[in-house]
Amino acid sequence: MAGRRSLGVLRWPVLAAAAAAVLAAALSVAPAVSLAGAYGRYESLPVRLAYLGLLCGAAWLGERRRTVAAFLLGCGVASVETLYQAATHALPRPDGNLGNANLLGALLAMALPLAADRARTATPAARRAWVALAALLGAGLVASTSRSGWLGAVLGLAVLVAFLVPRRRLWLVLATGAAVLALAAGAIALTPLRGLNGDTGEARPEVWRDSVAVIAERPLAGWGEDTMGLVFGRHQSGDWAPGHNFDRAHSMPLDLAASQGVLGLAAGVWLFGAWWLVVWRRRAEPGVAGVAGAAAAYLAWSLVNFDWAPVTAAFWLLAGCVAGGPPRRVVADVPHPRAGRVALAIGAVIVGLALAVPAQVADLLYYLGQPQRAAALDPLQPAYWAARGDLAGLRRAAELGDPSPATYVALGDAQARAGNHVAAKAAYRRALAIYPFDPAARARLSESRTAASG
C-alpha cells in the first residue's frame, strides 16, 4: 500500500500561520533582522517557517515511536551532563550543554510525560528501564533549577493522566491537577524560590505590561520577527534588568503578538486549537497521551518564557508526529517513483545547506575574531558589521537595525571623532530609544550638551 499522510484539519491553520509570518516580515520595521534574525536569537522568518515545516514533515511521515525515542535519548544524555555539572559545580546553573538552564528545564519537562507514557505501555522487563530514565530526567530537571520547567512538568503529567482516564473521571483529574499546579506555583511565588537564580523573573509582570503597550502601538501585523529589541524601549517604564535591554517579552503569546500582531496571534490560536482537537480525538492511540503531556509542558513553560529554537523545534516535531491524518490516496501494489523522490530530497538538502552553512561559518569567523570575513559571508547580520568597529561598519549595522544599544553608542563615538557631532547625538538618542536607561548613552549626551553650552 502506498500513500502519504495528510495534514487533515491542520492544513488551513498551518497556511494561515505561514501567511501571518510572511506578512509580518514584509511589513517589518527592520526587514534585514526579520530575515536573518537577531544575533544569538535567530527567530527569523525562515526559522518560523521551518517550525511549520517540522510540523508538516513529521505529520506526513507519521514516525511517532521513533521520533519520541530519539527525543528521549537526547534528553537522557542532557540529564547525565546536567548531573555531572551539578556534582562538579562546573557551572553556576547546570544547563546540560544547551547553553541555558531554562532550555534544559523545558526539554526535560516535555520528556517526563513521554517517558511515563512509555513506562506505562512497556513490557515488565522494559518498564524498569523506562522508569529509570524517568527518574534520571526528573533529577536533571531538579538540578536545572528551572521553575517554569518544574511547573511545566506538573502540568504535563496531569494532562497525560487526563488523556488516559475514562471520561467520567476526567473532572476529578482536572481538579486535582489544577490544585497541584496552584500549590506548586504558590510555593514558588511565596517562598524564597521566588528569587532563585537572581534572574529577571520578578520583573516579568512589569515587562509584560510594557509589552502590551508595544503591541497596542502596532496591533494588526506587528513589528516583524525578532524586532522586539528595537521597539521595547519606546514603552519601557522602568529599568527592569539594570544594564540590559529586553529583546523579548518573556511570554510566547505576547512575543507572537508583538512580532506578528493580532493576525499572527489569531493564526496561532487557530493552529493550536485545531491540533488539540485532533490529539484529543486520537487519545486512545499509542503514544498520543505522552505527546499531549509534552505539549502541555512546553506551552506552560512558554507562557513565562520566549520560544527558542532548541526547545521550539523539538515541540513542533513532536506535535507533528501525532497530527498526521490518514493517507490522502492509497494505491495497492504500485512501486514508488524512488528516483524522483531521491532527487527532490537531495535538492532540498542542497538548498538547505546553501542557506545554513554560510551563516554558521560566519558565526565561527566572528568567534575567531574575524568580523570582516563574517560580515562578507552573512551581510544581513548587523552584529558582524558592528564588531568591525569602524565608522562604515557601525553605520551599516545601524542601517540593518542592530538591537544592541552599545552599537549606537559606538557609532556616536565614531561620528564624534570624525567631527560629525549632530550625527553623534542622533546615534546616542537612538541608543536611548532602544534602552532608555543606558548609562553610556546618557553620559555621552550629557557631555555633548555641556560641551555645547561651554
Foldseek 3Di string as FASTA:
>chain_A
DDFWFALPPLVVLLVLLLVLQVVLLVQAPFNLCQAQPAPPFRQHSVVSNVLSVLLGVLQRVLPQVVLLVVLLVLLLQLLVQQVVCLVVVVDVARCSPPPALLLNLLSLLLNLLLLVLCLVPDDPVCNVVSVVSNVSSVNSNVSSLNLLSVLLNLQLNLLLVLLVDDPVCNVVSVVVSVVVSVVSVCCCCPDCVVCPPVDLSVVLVLLLVLLVVLCVVPAAFANAPQQQLQASLQRRPDCSPPPDFDSASQAALSRQCRSGHVSSSVSVVVSVVVLVVQLSVVSVDRSSSSLSSSLSSNNSSRRRGHDGVVNSSSNSNNSSSSSTHGGPDDDPPDDDPVVVVVVVVVVVVVVVCVVPVLQVVLVVCVVVVNLVVSCVSSVSHLVSLLSVLALVSLVSSVSSPNSALVSLQSNLVNCVVVVNNVSSLVSLVSSCSSPVPNPSSVVVNVVSVVVVVD
